[in-house]
Amino acid sequence: MLKAILRQPRKRILKTRYISIDVRKCRGCGKCIAECPNDVLAKVNFFLHNHVHLNNPQNCTGCLACKIACFHQAIT
């Protein structure tokens, strides 16, 4: 049973009501973090993980400043 659970692919998209983050496309450059006026995004601080995550998803107002700043199209 445990092996079957571990074999299932993880869903790597983080969502708010307005944005979705695909961590497979994210390179962790931090431009979206700098542009977000509401402190929604933060960088993952874990070994070998170089991407952003949702720090305060409830603060997202849908301004899409992060999406505009993302050159890797990881935020849609």
N, C-alpha and C. Protein backbone atom coordinates (compact mmCIF):
# COMPACT_ATOMS: atom_id res chain seq x y z
N MET A 1 0.82 -1.20 0.00
CA MET A 1 0.00 0.00 0.00
C MET A 1 0.86 1.26 0.00
N LEU A 2 1.89 1.28 0.84
CA LEU A 2 2.77 2.45 0.93
C LEU A 2 3.52 2.65 -0.38
N LYS A 3 3.96 1.57 -1.00
CA LYS A 3 4.67 1.68 -2.27
C LYS A 3 3.77 2.28 -3.35
N ALA A 4 2.51 1.92 -3.35
CA ALA A 4 1.56 2.46 -4.33
C ALA A 4 1.37 3.96 -4.14
N ILE A 5 1.34 4.39 -2.89
CA ILE A 5 1.20 5.82 -2.61
C ILE A 5 2.43 6.59 -3.06
N LEU A 6 3.60 6.03 -2.81
CA LEU A 6 4.85 6.71 -3.17
C LEU A 6 5.06 6.78 -4.68
N ARG A 7 4.49 5.86 -5.43
CA ARG A 7 4.65 5.85 -6.88
C ARG A 7 3.76 6.87 -7.59
N GLN A 8 2.74 7.34 -6.92
CA GLN A 8 1.84 8.30 -7.55
C GLN A 8 2.55 9.62 -7.79
N PRO A 9 2.40 10.20 -8.98
CA PRO A 9 3.04 11.48 -9.25
C PRO A 9 2.46 12.58 -8.38
N ARG A 10 3.32 13.44 -7.88
CA ARG A 10 2.87 14.56 -7.07
C ARG A 10 2.36 15.69 -7.96
N LYS A 11 1.37 16.35 -7.50
CA LYS A 11 0.87 17.51 -8.21
C LYS A 11 1.75 18.69 -7.81
N ARG A 12 2.37 19.32 -8.77
CA ARG A 12 3.35 20.35 -8.50
C ARG A 12 2.87 21.74 -8.86
N ILE A 13 1.59 21.96 -8.80
CA ILE A 13 1.05 23.29 -9.09
C ILE A 13 0.41 23.82 -7.84
N LEU A 14 0.81 25.02 -7.45
CA LEU A 14 0.25 25.68 -6.28
C LEU A 14 -0.71 26.75 -6.78
N LYS A 15 -1.86 26.88 -6.12
CA LYS A 15 -2.89 27.78 -6.64
C LYS A 15 -3.46 28.69 -5.57
N THR A 16 -3.84 29.87 -6.03
CA THR A 16 -4.73 30.73 -5.28
C THR A 16 -5.96 30.90 -6.15
N ARG A 17 -6.81 31.78 -5.79
CA ARG A 17 -8.00 32.05 -6.61
C ARG A 17 -7.62 32.66 -7.95
N TYR A 18 -6.47 33.35 -8.01
CA TYR A 18 -6.10 34.12 -9.20
C TYR A 18 -4.89 33.58 -9.95
N ILE A 19 -3.96 32.94 -9.26
CA ILE A 19 -2.73 32.49 -9.91
C ILE A 19 -2.47 31.02 -9.63
N SER A 20 -1.66 30.42 -10.52
CA SER A 20 -1.16 29.05 -10.34
C SER A 20 0.34 29.07 -10.56
N ILE A 21 1.08 28.34 -9.73
CA ILE A 21 2.53 28.26 -9.86
C ILE A 21 2.89 26.83 -10.25
N ASP A 22 3.60 26.69 -11.36
CA ASP A 22 4.10 25.38 -11.78
C ASP A 22 5.57 25.33 -11.37
N VAL A 23 5.88 24.58 -10.31
CA VAL A 23 7.25 24.56 -9.79
C VAL A 23 8.23 23.86 -10.72
N ARG A 24 7.73 23.09 -11.68
CA ARG A 24 8.63 22.48 -12.66
C ARG A 24 9.21 23.52 -13.61
N LYS A 25 8.49 24.60 -13.84
CA LYS A 25 8.97 25.67 -14.72
C LYS A 25 9.73 26.75 -13.96
N CYS A 26 9.46 26.88 -12.68
CA CYS A 26 10.06 27.94 -11.86
C CYS A 26 11.54 27.67 -11.66
N ARG A 27 12.35 28.72 -11.83
CA ARG A 27 13.81 28.62 -11.65
C ARG A 27 14.28 29.32 -10.38
N GLY A 28 13.37 29.88 -9.63
CA GLY A 28 13.73 30.50 -8.36
C GLY A 28 14.48 31.80 -8.47
N CYS A 29 14.25 32.55 -9.54
CA CYS A 29 14.98 33.81 -9.74
C CYS A 29 14.53 34.89 -8.75
N GLY A 30 13.28 34.81 -8.27
CA GLY A 30 12.79 35.73 -7.26
C GLY A 30 12.19 37.01 -7.78
N LYS A 31 12.09 37.18 -9.08
CA LYS A 31 11.51 38.40 -9.65
C LYS A 31 10.04 38.55 -9.28
N CYS A 32 9.33 37.45 -9.23
CA CYS A 32 7.91 37.52 -8.85
C CYS A 32 7.76 37.91 -7.38
N ILE A 33 8.66 37.44 -6.54
CA ILE A 33 8.61 37.79 -5.12
C ILE A 33 8.82 39.28 -4.93
N ALA A 34 9.77 39.83 -5.69
CA ALA A 34 10.06 41.26 -5.58
C ALA A 34 8.90 42.12 -6.08
N GLU A 35 8.16 41.64 -7.07
CA GLU A 35 7.08 42.43 -7.64
C GLU A 35 5.76 42.33 -6.88
N CYS A 36 5.59 41.29 -6.08
CA CYS A 36 4.32 41.10 -5.38
C CYS A 36 4.16 42.14 -4.27
N PRO A 37 3.11 42.96 -4.34
CA PRO A 37 2.91 44.00 -3.32
C PRO A 37 2.29 43.48 -2.02
N ASN A 38 1.82 42.23 -2.03
CA ASN A 38 1.08 41.71 -0.88
C ASN A 38 1.76 40.57 -0.14
N ASP A 39 3.04 40.34 -0.40
CA ASP A 39 3.81 39.29 0.28
C ASP A 39 3.15 37.92 0.17
N VAL A 40 2.69 37.60 -1.04
CA VAL A 40 2.03 36.31 -1.27
C VAL A 40 3.06 35.21 -1.49
N LEU A 41 4.14 35.52 -2.18
CA LEU A 41 5.13 34.52 -2.58
C LEU A 41 6.38 34.57 -1.71
N ALA A 42 7.04 33.42 -1.59
CA ALA A 42 8.32 33.32 -0.89
C ALA A 42 9.12 32.20 -1.54
N LYS A 43 10.42 32.20 -1.29
CA LYS A 43 11.29 31.19 -1.85
C LYS A 43 11.37 29.98 -0.92
N VAL A 44 11.42 28.79 -1.49
CA VAL A 44 11.54 27.57 -0.71
C VAL A 44 12.96 27.48 -0.18
N ASN A 45 13.10 27.26 1.11
CA ASN A 45 14.41 27.11 1.74
C ASN A 45 14.62 25.66 2.15
N PHE A 46 14.85 24.83 1.15
CA PHE A 46 15.06 23.41 1.40
C PHE A 46 16.10 22.91 0.41
N PHE A 47 16.95 22.03 0.83
CA PHE A 47 18.05 21.50 0.02
C PHE A 47 17.56 20.99 -1.34
N LEU A 48 18.18 21.48 -2.39
CA LEU A 48 17.91 21.10 -3.79
C LEU A 48 16.54 21.51 -4.31
N HIS A 49 15.85 22.37 -3.62
CA HIS A 49 14.58 22.90 -4.11
C HIS A 49 14.79 24.37 -4.42
N ASN A 50 14.62 24.73 -5.67
CA ASN A 50 14.87 26.10 -6.10
C ASN A 50 13.63 26.62 -6.82
N HIS A 51 12.63 26.99 -6.04
CA HIS A 51 11.41 27.53 -6.62
C HIS A 51 10.69 28.35 -5.56
N VAL A 52 9.62 29.00 -5.97
CA VAL A 52 8.82 29.79 -5.03
C VAL A 52 7.62 28.97 -4.55
N HIS A 53 7.05 29.42 -3.47
CA HIS A 53 5.83 28.80 -2.96
C HIS A 53 4.92 29.92 -2.46
N LEU A 54 3.71 29.55 -2.13
CA LEU A 54 2.74 30.53 -1.63
C LEU A 54 2.94 30.70 -0.14
N ASN A 55 3.35 31.87 0.26
CA ASN A 55 3.60 32.17 1.67
C ASN A 55 2.32 32.62 2.36
N ASN A 56 1.60 33.53 1.72
CA ASN A 56 0.33 34.05 2.24
C ASN A 56 -0.70 34.06 1.12
N PRO A 57 -1.23 32.91 0.73
CA PRO A 57 -2.16 32.88 -0.41
C PRO A 57 -3.43 33.69 -0.19
N GLN A 58 -3.84 33.87 1.04
CA GLN A 58 -5.05 34.64 1.32
C GLN A 58 -4.88 36.12 1.00
N ASN A 59 -3.63 36.59 0.86
CA ASN A 59 -3.37 38.00 0.54
C ASN A 59 -3.42 38.31 -0.95
N CYS A 60 -3.54 37.30 -1.80
CA CYS A 60 -3.53 37.50 -3.25
C CYS A 60 -4.79 38.25 -3.69
N THR A 61 -4.58 39.38 -4.37
CA THR A 61 -5.70 40.19 -4.84
C THR A 61 -5.91 40.07 -6.35
N GLY A 62 -5.07 39.30 -7.03
CA GLY A 62 -5.22 39.12 -8.47
C GLY A 62 -4.63 40.23 -9.31
N CYS A 63 -3.65 40.96 -8.78
CA CYS A 63 -3.05 42.06 -9.54
C CYS A 63 -2.18 41.54 -10.69
N LEU A 64 -1.71 40.30 -10.61
CA LEU A 64 -0.92 39.61 -11.62
C LEU A 64 0.45 40.23 -11.86
N ALA A 65 0.96 41.00 -10.92
CA ALA A 65 2.31 41.56 -11.04
C ALA A 65 3.34 40.43 -11.08
N CYS A 66 3.10 39.37 -10.34
CA CYS A 66 4.02 38.23 -10.33
C CYS A 66 4.04 37.53 -11.69
N LYS A 67 2.88 37.40 -12.30
CA LYS A 67 2.78 36.74 -13.61
C LYS A 67 3.53 37.54 -14.67
N ILE A 68 3.41 38.85 -14.63
CA ILE A 68 4.10 39.71 -15.59
C ILE A 68 5.61 39.63 -15.39
N ALA A 69 6.05 39.50 -14.15
CA ALA A 69 7.49 39.47 -13.85
C ALA A 69 8.13 38.13 -14.18
N CYS A 70 7.35 37.06 -14.31
CA CYS A 70 7.90 35.73 -14.52
C CYS A 70 8.22 35.48 -16.00
N PHE A 71 9.52 35.40 -16.30
CA PHE A 71 9.96 35.15 -17.69
C PHE A 71 9.87 33.69 -18.07
N HIS A 72 9.74 32.81 -17.10
CA HIS A 72 9.71 31.36 -17.37
C HIS A 72 8.29 30.85 -17.52
N GLN A 73 7.31 31.73 -17.43
CA GLN A 73 5.89 31.38 -17.56
C GLN A 73 5.47 30.30 -16.56
N ALA A 74 6.05 30.37 -15.35
CA ALA A 74 5.70 29.42 -14.31
C ALA A 74 4.43 29.86 -13.57
N ILE A 75 4.05 31.12 -13.72
CA ILE A 75 2.85 31.64 -13.06
C ILE A 75 1.82 31.95 -14.14
N THR A 76 0.65 31.34 -13.97
CA THR A 76 -0.43 31.57 -14.94
C THR A 76 -1.67 32.03 -14.21
